Every structure is written in structure tokens, then in C-alpha cells.
PDB file of N, CA and C in Angstrom:
ATOM      1  N   MET A   1     180.157 184.187 149.576  1.00  0.00           N
ATOM      2  CA  MET A   1     179.083 183.422 148.977  1.00  0.00           C
ATOM      3  C   MET A   1     177.759 183.839 149.599  1.00  0.00           C
ATOM      4  N   ASN A   2     176.736 183.894 148.805  1.00  0.00           N
ATOM      5  CA  ASN A   2     175.416 184.292 149.248  1.00  0.00           C
ATOM      6  C   ASN A   2     174.808 183.199 150.128  1.00  0.00           C
ATOM      7  N   ASN A   3     174.421 183.572 151.354  1.00  0.00           N
ATOM      8  CA  ASN A   3     173.857 182.592 152.281  1.00  0.00           C
ATOM      9  C   ASN A   3     172.489 182.085 151.843  1.00  0.00           C
ATOM     10  N   ARG A   4     171.819 182.857 151.004  1.00  0.00           N
ATOM     11  CA  ARG A   4     170.497 182.437 150.543  1.00  0.00           C
ATOM     12  C   ARG A   4     170.585 181.300 149.528  1.00  0.00           C
ATOM     13  N   ARG A   5     171.693 181.169 148.883  1.00  0.00           N
ATOM     14  CA  ARG A   5     171.867 180.075 147.920  1.00  0.00           C
ATOM     15  C   ARG A   5     172.035 178.776 148.686  1.00  0.00           C
ATOM     16  N   GLN A   6     171.331 177.771 148.237  1.00  0.00           N
ATOM     17  CA  GLN A   6     171.415 176.482 148.900  1.00  0.00           C
ATOM     18  C   GLN A   6     172.194 175.516 148.018  1.00  0.00           C
ATOM     19  N   LYS A   7     172.990 174.714 148.674  1.00  0.00           N
ATOM     20  CA  LYS A   7     173.811 173.753 147.960  1.00  0.00           C
ATOM     21  C   LYS A   7     172.932 172.672 147.321  1.00  0.00           C
ATOM     22  N   ILE A   8     173.266 172.329 146.098  1.00  0.00           N
ATOM     23  CA  ILE A   8     172.533 171.266 145.416  1.00  0.00           C
ATOM     24  C   ILE A   8     173.069 169.927 145.917  1.00  0.00           C
ATOM     25  N   THR A   9     172.185 169.174 146.510  1.00  0.00           N
ATOM     26  CA  THR A   9     172.547 167.862 147.040  1.00  0.00           C
ATOM     27  C   THR A   9     171.624 166.815 146.422  1.00  0.00           C
ATOM     28  N   PRO A  10     172.032 165.557 146.482  1.00  0.00           N
ATOM     29  CA  PRO A  10     171.144 164.508 145.976  1.00  0.00           C
ATOM     30  C   PRO A  10     169.770 164.541 146.656  1.00  0.00           C
ATOM     31  N   TYR A  11     169.770 164.832 147.952  1.00  0.00           N
ATOM     32  CA  TYR A  11     168.506 164.885 148.689  1.00  0.00           C
ATOM     33  C   TYR A  11     167.592 165.970 148.129  1.00  0.00           C
ATOM     34  N   ARG A  12     168.135 167.162 147.893  1.00  0.00           N
ATOM     35  CA  ARG A  12     167.328 168.268 147.373  1.00  0.00           C
ATOM     36  C   ARG A  12     166.794 167.937 145.974  1.00  0.00           C
ATOM     37  N   ILE A  13     167.617 167.293 145.170  1.00  0.00           N
ATOM     38  CA  ILE A  13     167.177 166.906 143.828  1.00  0.00           C
ATOM     39  C   ILE A  13     166.040 165.890 143.927  1.00  0.00           C
ATOM     40  N   GLU A  14     166.161 164.942 144.854  1.00  0.00           N
ATOM     41  CA  GLU A  14     165.102 163.953 145.029  1.00  0.00           C
ATOM     42  C   GLU A  14     163.812 164.594 145.528  1.00  0.00           C
ATOM     43  N   VAL A  15     163.919 165.588 146.399  1.00  0.00           N
ATOM     44  CA  VAL A  15     162.737 166.305 146.882  1.00  0.00           C
ATOM     45  C   VAL A  15     162.021 166.974 145.708  1.00  0.00           C
ATOM     46  N   ILE A  16     162.787 167.592 144.838  1.00  0.00           N
ATOM     47  CA  ILE A  16     162.202 168.242 143.658  1.00  0.00           C
ATOM     48  C   ILE A  16     161.555 167.192 142.750  1.00  0.00           C
ATOM     49  N   ALA A  17     162.235 166.079 142.540  1.00  0.00           N
ATOM     50  CA  ALA A  17     161.686 165.008 141.694  1.00  0.00           C
ATOM     51  C   ALA A  17     160.386 164.460 142.287  1.00  0.00           C
ATOM     52  N   ASN A  18     160.341 164.310 143.613  1.00  0.00           N
ATOM     53  CA  ASN A  18     159.116 163.837 144.265  1.00  0.00           C
ATOM     54  C   ASN A  18     157.977 164.832 144.078  1.00  0.00           C
ATOM     55  N   HIS A  19     158.300 166.108 144.174  1.00  0.00           N
ATOM     56  CA  HIS A  19     157.289 167.152 143.970  1.00  0.00           C
ATOM     57  C   HIS A  19     156.742 167.088 142.539  1.00  0.00           C
ATOM     58  N   ILE A  20     157.628 166.929 141.583  1.00  0.00           N
ATOM     59  CA  ILE A  20     157.203 166.816 140.184  1.00  0.00           C
ATOM     60  C   ILE A  20     156.328 165.576 140.003  1.00  0.00           C
ATOM     61  N   GLN A  21     156.705 164.483 140.636  1.00  0.00           N
ATOM     62  CA  GLN A  21     155.915 163.253 140.528  1.00  0.00           C
ATOM     63  C   GLN A  21     154.511 163.460 141.099  1.00  0.00           C
ATOM     64  N   ASP A  22     154.403 164.145 142.242  1.00  0.00           N
ATOM     65  CA  ASP A  22     153.090 164.423 142.832  1.00  0.00           C
ATOM     66  C   ASP A  22     152.234 165.261 141.891  1.00  0.00           C
ATOM     67  N   LYS A  23     152.828 166.292 141.324  1.00  0.00           N
ATOM     68  CA  LYS A  23     152.092 167.152 140.394  1.00  0.00           C
ATOM     69  C   LYS A  23     151.688 166.380 139.149  1.00  0.00           C
ATOM     70  N   GLN A  24     152.540 165.477 138.732  1.00  0.00           N
ATOM     71  CA  GLN A  24     152.260 164.667 137.545  1.00  0.00           C
ATOM     72  C   GLN A  24     151.037 163.782 137.788  1.00  0.00           C
ATOM     73  N   GLU A  25     150.902 163.260 139.001  1.00  0.00           N
ATOM     74  CA  GLU A  25     149.747 162.424 139.316  1.00  0.00           C
ATOM     75  C   GLU A  25     148.463 163.252 139.331  1.00  0.00           C
ATOM     76  N   GLU A  26     148.535 164.484 139.854  1.00  0.00           N
ATOM     77  CA  GLU A  26     147.382 165.384 139.808  1.00  0.00           C
ATOM     78  C   GLU A  26     147.021 165.684 138.352  1.00  0.00           C
ATOM     79  N   TYR A  27     148.017 165.891 137.560  1.00  0.00           N
ATOM     80  CA  TYR A  27     147.841 166.202 136.142  1.00  0.00           C
ATOM     81  C   TYR A  27     147.155 165.049 135.421  1.00  0.00           C
ATOM     82  N   LYS A  28     147.544 163.814 135.768  1.00  0.00           N
ATOM     83  CA  LYS A  28     146.930 162.637 135.148  1.00  0.00           C
ATOM     84  C   LYS A  28     145.433 162.589 135.446  1.00  0.00           C
ATOM     85  N   GLU A  29     145.045 162.978 136.669  1.00  0.00           N
ATOM     86  CA  GLU A  29     143.629 163.000 137.024  1.00  0.00           C
ATOM     87  C   GLU A  29     142.868 163.984 136.141  1.00  0.00           C
ATOM     88  N   VAL A  30     143.452 165.151 135.906  1.00  0.00           N
ATOM     89  CA  VAL A  30     142.819 166.142 135.037  1.00  0.00           C
ATOM     90  C   VAL A  30     142.704 165.591 133.617  1.00  0.00           C
ATOM     91  N   LEU A  31     143.748 164.947 133.146  1.00  0.00           N
ATOM     92  CA  LEU A  31     143.714 164.342 131.809  1.00  0.00           C
ATOM     93  C   LEU A  31     142.596 163.304 131.698  1.00  0.00           C
ATOM     94  N   MET A  32     142.435 162.504 132.726  1.00  0.00           N
ATOM     95  CA  MET A  32     141.383 161.491 132.695  1.00  0.00           C
ATOM     96  C   MET A  32     140.002 162.139 132.661  1.00  0.00           C
ATOM     97  N   ARG A  33     139.826 163.231 133.393  1.00  0.00           N
ATOM     98  CA  ARG A  33     138.539 163.933 133.377  1.00  0.00           C
ATOM     99  C   ARG A  33     138.243 164.512 131.998  1.00  0.00           C
ATOM    100  N   ILE A  34     139.247 165.106 131.378  1.00  0.00           N
ATOM    101  CA  ILE A  34     139.053 165.670 130.036  1.00  0.00           C
ATOM    102  C   ILE A  34     138.712 164.556 129.052  1.00  0.00           C
ATOM    103  N   ARG A  35     139.438 163.475 129.151  1.00  0.00           N
ATOM    104  CA  ARG A  35     139.186 162.332 128.260  1.00  0.00           C
ATOM    105  C   ARG A  35     137.752 161.820 128.425  1.00  0.00           C
ATOM    106  N   LYS A  36     137.295 161.766 129.683  1.00  0.00           N
ATOM    107  CA  LYS A  36     135.933 161.313 129.961  1.00  0.00           C
ATOM    108  C   LYS A  36     134.910 162.274 129.355  1.00  0.00           C
ATOM    109  N   LEU A  37     135.158 163.584 129.484  1.00  0.00           N
ATOM    110  CA  LEU A  37     134.258 164.578 128.893  1.00  0.00           C
ATOM    111  C   LEU A  37     134.159 164.404 127.383  1.00  0.00           C
ATOM    112  N   ILE A  38     135.293 164.169 126.766  1.00  0.00           N
ATOM    113  CA  ILE A  38     135.326 164.016 125.308  1.00  0.00           C
ATOM    114  C   ILE A  38     134.549 162.773 124.880  1.00  0.00           C
ATOM    115  N   SER A  39     134.739 161.686 125.586  1.00  0.00           N
ATOM    116  CA  SER A  39     134.134 160.422 125.154  1.00  0.00           C
ATOM    117  C   SER A  39     132.660 160.285 125.528  1.00  0.00           C
ATOM    118  N   GLU A  40     132.212 160.957 126.586  1.00  0.00           N
ATOM    119  CA  GLU A  40     130.833 160.792 127.040  1.00  0.00           C
ATOM    120  C   GLU A  40     129.810 161.494 126.156  1.00  0.00           C
ATOM    121  N   SER A  41     130.154 162.634 125.658  1.00  0.00           N
ATOM    122  CA  SER A  41     129.178 163.432 124.917  1.00  0.00           C
ATOM    123  C   SER A  41     128.987 162.896 123.509  1.00  0.00           C
ATOM    124  N   GLU A  42     127.736 162.946 123.064  1.00  0.00           N
ATOM    125  CA  GLU A  42     127.435 162.425 121.731  1.00  0.00           C
ATOM    126  C   GLU A  42     126.598 163.390 120.907  1.00  0.00           C
ATOM    127  N   GLU A  43     126.452 164.602 121.357  1.00  0.00           N
ATOM    128  CA  GLU A  43     125.638 165.565 120.609  1.00  0.00           C
ATOM    129  C   GLU A  43     126.314 165.910 119.291  1.00  0.00           C
ATOM    130  N   GLU A  44     125.507 166.373 118.350  1.00  0.00           N
ATOM    131  CA  GLU A  44     126.018 166.614 117.007  1.00  0.00           C
ATOM    132  C   GLU A  44     125.978 168.082 116.583  1.00  0.00           C
ATOM    133  N   ASP A  45     125.600 168.994 117.462  1.00  0.00           N
ATOM    134  CA  ASP A  45     125.520 170.388 117.007  1.00  0.00           C
ATOM    135  C   ASP A  45     126.904 170.989 116.790  1.00  0.00           C
ATOM    136  N   VAL A  46     126.956 172.065 116.043  1.00  0.00           N
ATOM    137  CA  VAL A  46     128.220 172.683 115.628  1.00  0.00           C
ATOM    138  C   VAL A  46     129.013 173.185 116.826  1.00  0.00           C
ATOM    139  N   LEU A  47     128.336 173.830 117.777  1.00  0.00           N
ATOM    140  CA  LEU A  47     129.024 174.357 118.956  1.00  0.00           C
ATOM    141  C   LEU A  47     129.675 173.218 119.739  1.00  0.00           C
ATOM    142  N   TYR A  48     128.947 172.135 119.907  1.00  0.00           N
ATOM    143  CA  TYR A  48     129.493 171.002 120.631  1.00  0.00           C
ATOM    144  C   TYR A  48     130.730 170.446 119.929  1.00  0.00           C
ATOM    145  N   LYS A  49     130.663 170.331 118.610  1.00  0.00           N
ATOM    146  CA  LYS A  49     131.811 169.809 117.857  1.00  0.00           C
ATOM    147  C   LYS A  49     133.042 170.682 118.061  1.00  0.00           C
ATOM    148  N   GLU A  50     132.834 171.997 118.094  1.00  0.00           N
ATOM    149  CA  GLU A  50     133.958 172.914 118.303  1.00  0.00           C
ATOM    150  C   GLU A  50     134.541 172.737 119.702  1.00  0.00           C
ATOM    151  N   VAL A  51     133.675 172.621 120.694  1.00  0.00           N
ATOM    152  CA  VAL A  51     134.141 172.419 122.072  1.00  0.00           C
ATOM    153  C   VAL A  51     134.889 171.096 122.182  1.00  0.00           C
ATOM    154  N   LYS A  52     134.341 170.062 121.577  1.00  0.00           N
ATOM    155  CA  LYS A  52     134.990 168.748 121.627  1.00  0.00           C
ATOM    156  C   LYS A  52     136.360 168.796 120.952  1.00  0.00           C
ATOM    157  N   GLU A  53     136.443 169.496 119.840  1.00  0.00           N
ATOM    158  CA  GLU A  53     137.720 169.626 119.136  1.00  0.00           C
ATOM    159  C   GLU A  53     138.747 170.364 119.998  1.00  0.00           C
ATOM    160  N   ARG A  54     138.309 171.421 120.648  1.00  0.00           N
ATOM    161  CA  ARG A  54     139.233 172.170 121.521  1.00  0.00           C
ATOM    162  C   ARG A  54     139.669 171.327 122.709  1.00  0.00           C
ATOM    163  N   LEU A  55     138.726 170.600 123.285  1.00  0.00           N
ATOM    164  CA  LEU A  55     139.085 169.714 124.392  1.00  0.00           C
ATOM    165  C   LEU A  55     140.078 168.653 123.934  1.00  0.00           C
ATOM    166  N   SER A  56     139.888 168.139 122.755  1.00  0.00           N
ATOM    167  CA  SER A  56     140.812 167.130 122.224  1.00  0.00           C
ATOM    168  C   SER A  56     142.212 167.705 122.034  1.00  0.00           C
ATOM    169  N   ARG A  57     142.290 168.913 121.504  1.00  0.00           N
ATOM    170  CA  ARG A  57     143.605 169.559 121.334  1.00  0.00           C
ATOM    171  C   ARG A  57     144.249 169.830 122.690  1.00  0.00           C
ATOM    172  N   THR A  58     143.433 170.303 123.634  1.00  0.00           N
ATOM    173  CA  THR A  58     143.948 170.561 124.978  1.00  0.00           C
ATOM    174  C   THR A  58     144.469 169.274 125.599  1.00  0.00           C
ATOM    175  N   TYR A  59     143.719 168.210 125.439  1.00  0.00           N
ATOM    176  CA  TYR A  59     144.128 166.911 125.965  1.00  0.00           C
ATOM    177  C   TYR A  59     145.471 166.484 125.371  1.00  0.00           C
ATOM    178  N   ASP A  60     145.622 166.619 124.070  1.00  0.00           N
ATOM    179  CA  ASP A  60     146.877 166.249 123.407  1.00  0.00           C
ATOM    180  C   ASP A  60     148.047 167.085 123.918  1.00  0.00           C
ATOM    181  N   GLN A  61     147.826 168.383 124.087  1.00  0.00           N
ATOM    182  CA  GLN A  61     148.886 169.257 124.596  1.00  0.00           C
ATOM    183  C   GLN A  61     149.252 168.885 126.026  1.00  0.00           C
ATOM    184  N   MET A  62     148.242 168.592 126.834  1.00  0.00           N
ATOM    185  CA  MET A  62     148.503 168.219 128.222  1.00  0.00           C
ATOM    186  C   MET A  62     149.252 166.894 128.301  1.00  0.00           C
ATOM    187  N   LYS A  63     148.949 165.988 127.392  1.00  0.00           N
ATOM    188  CA  LYS A  63     149.658 164.710 127.354  1.00  0.00           C
ATOM    189  C   LYS A  63     151.140 164.922 127.044  1.00  0.00           C
ATOM    190  N   GLU A  64     151.416 165.796 126.092  1.00  0.00           N
ATOM    191  CA  GLU A  64     152.809 166.114 125.758  1.00  0.00           C
ATOM    192  C   GLU A  64     153.523 166.727 126.959  1.00  0.00           C
ATOM    193  N   TYR A  65     152.830 167.615 127.657  1.00  0.00           N
ATOM    194  CA  TYR A  65     153.418 168.253 128.832  1.00  0.00           C
ATOM    195  C   TYR A  65     153.689 167.216 129.922  1.00  0.00           C
ATOM    196  N   ALA A  66     152.790 166.268 130.094  1.00  0.00           N
ATOM    197  CA  ALA A  66     152.984 165.217 131.092  1.00  0.00           C
ATOM    198  C   ALA A  66     154.228 164.390 130.770  1.00  0.00           C
ATOM    199  N   LEU A  67     154.443 164.100 129.504  1.00  0.00           N
ATOM    200  CA  LEU A  67     155.650 163.368 129.102  1.00  0.00           C
ATOM    201  C   LEU A  67     156.904 164.193 129.368  1.00  0.00           C
ATOM    202  N   PHE A  68     156.803 165.496 129.142  1.00  0.00           N
ATOM    203  CA  PHE A  68     157.912 166.402 129.424  1.00  0.00           C
ATOM    204  C   PHE A  68     158.243 166.374 130.917  1.00  0.00           C
ATOM    205  N   LEU A  69     157.215 166.449 131.761  1.00  0.00           N
ATOM    206  CA  LEU A  69     157.438 166.384 133.207  1.00  0.00           C
ATOM    207  C   LEU A  69     158.065 165.060 133.608  1.00  0.00           C
ATOM    208  N   GLN A  70     157.618 163.999 132.984  1.00  0.00           N
ATOM    209  CA  GLN A  70     158.163 162.681 133.285  1.00  0.00           C
ATOM    210  C   GLN A  70     159.654 162.620 132.945  1.00  0.00           C
ATOM    211  N   SER A  71     160.045 163.224 131.840  1.00  0.00           N
ATOM    212  CA  SER A  71     161.461 163.209 131.461  1.00  0.00           C
ATOM    213  C   SER A  71     162.287 164.064 132.421  1.00  0.00           C
ATOM    214  N   ILE A  72     161.720 165.171 132.894  1.00  0.00           N
ATOM    215  CA  ILE A  72     162.429 166.002 133.880  1.00  0.00           C
ATOM    216  C   ILE A  72     162.620 165.219 135.170  1.00  0.00           C
ATOM    217  N   GLU A  73     161.564 164.557 135.618  1.00  0.00           N
ATOM    218  CA  GLU A  73     161.655 163.764 136.842  1.00  0.00           C
ATOM    219  C   GLU A  73     162.730 162.690 136.710  1.00  0.00           C
ATOM    220  N   ALA A  74     162.750 161.984 135.591  1.00  0.00           N
ATOM    221  CA  ALA A  74     163.747 160.931 135.370  1.00  0.00           C
ATOM    222  C   ALA A  74     165.159 161.508 135.371  1.00  0.00           C
ATOM    223  N   TYR A  75     165.330 162.652 134.732  1.00  0.00           N
ATOM    224  CA  TYR A  75     166.641 163.303 134.692  1.00  0.00           C
ATOM    225  C   TYR A  75     167.094 163.680 136.104  1.00  0.00           C
ATOM    226  N   LEU A  76     166.187 164.250 136.894  1.00  0.00           N
ATOM    227  CA  LEU A  76     166.545 164.650 138.259  1.00  0.00           C
ATOM    228  C   LEU A  76     166.919 163.439 139.104  1.00  0.00           C
ATOM    229  N   ARG A  77     166.162 162.378 138.983  1.00  0.00           N
ATOM    230  CA  ARG A  77     166.471 161.169 139.766  1.00  0.00           C
ATOM    231  C   ARG A  77     167.829 160.574 139.348  1.00  0.00           C
ATOM    232  N   LYS A  78     168.105 160.586 138.059  1.00  0.00           N
ATOM    233  CA  LYS A  78     169.387 160.083 137.567  1.00  0.00           C
ATOM    234  C   LYS A  78     170.529 160.963 138.081  1.00  0.00           C
ATOM    235  N   SER A  79     170.323 162.274 138.058  1.00  0.00           N
ATOM    236  CA  SER A  79     171.347 163.200 138.554  1.00  0.00           C
ATOM    237  C   SER A  79     171.603 162.985 140.038  1.00  0.00           C
ATOM    238  N   ALA A  80     170.541 162.803 140.811  1.00  0.00           N
ATOM    239  CA  ALA A  80     170.691 162.561 142.246  1.00  0.00           C
ATOM    240  C   ALA A  80     171.464 161.274 142.486  1.00  0.00           C
ATOM    241  N   HIS A  81     171.149 160.256 141.728  1.00  0.00           N
ATOM    242  CA  HIS A  81     171.848 158.979 141.867  1.00  0.00           C
ATOM    243  C   HIS A  81     173.332 159.133 141.534  1.00  0.00           C
ATOM    244  N   GLN A  82     173.633 159.874 140.475  1.00  0.00           N
ATOM    245  CA  GLN A  82     175.028 160.076 140.079  1.00  0.00           C
ATOM    246  C   GLN A  82     175.793 160.862 141.143  1.00  0.00           C
ATOM    247  N   LEU A  83     175.135 161.857 141.754  1.00  0.00           N
ATOM    248  CA  LEU A  83     175.801 162.618 142.813  1.00  0.00           C
ATOM    249  C   LEU A  83     176.069 161.747 144.031  1.00  0.00           C
ATOM    250  N   LYS A  84     175.162 160.824 144.323  1.00  0.00           N
ATOM    251  CA  LYS A  84     175.347 159.934 145.468  1.00  0.00           C
ATOM    252  C   LYS A  84     176.520 158.993 145.262  1.00  0.00           C
ATOM    253  N   THR A  85     176.718 158.564 144.031  1.00  0.00           N
ATOM    254  CA  THR A  85     177.763 157.577 143.765  1.00  0.00           C
ATOM    255  C   THR A  85     179.145 158.197 143.604  1.00  0.00           C
ATOM    256  N   LYS A  86     179.210 159.508 143.563  1.00  0.00           N
ATOM    257  CA  LYS A  86     180.529 160.159 143.420  1.00  0.00           C
ATOM    258  C   LYS A  86     181.278 160.180 144.722  1.00  0.00           C
TER     259      LYS A  86
END
């Protein structure tokens, strides 16, 4: 067996889930900043509208990604719990 391979344990899974949770919180801060940028500006020129539209699409995509990360974190925590109870 390769010594570089590490055994998957509930602890290691929880460490990964905690890391994902930390990144998710950083991600939420970025989402809030983008949302603030979108809502604060009120200019009506064409360039601004295009930028606002792109920011809105980016925000929506980032929100979907955040939900994806949340589901991964939940799955990892559930897996760790199941391994502990075996």
C-alpha cells in the first residue's frame, strides 16, 4: 500500500467540511459586496447597465455555487457521522 495515501477517517472528513465552511463564509462576504455594488449604483448610461447586468449574472452564479458548497459540506458531515457510528 502506498504510504502517501491517507486513511479516510471521520476526523479527516470533518476537517475538510470545516475548511469548506470557512471558504463558504468568505464567499458570502464577496456575494454581499457584489450585491451592494449592484444596489448602490443608479446611473443610467448604457455601459453601466451592461456592467450591472454582468454583476447580476455573476452574483446569481456565485449564489448557485455557494449552495453547491453547502450541499458538499452537509454530505461530508453526514458521512463523518455515519463512519463514527459504525
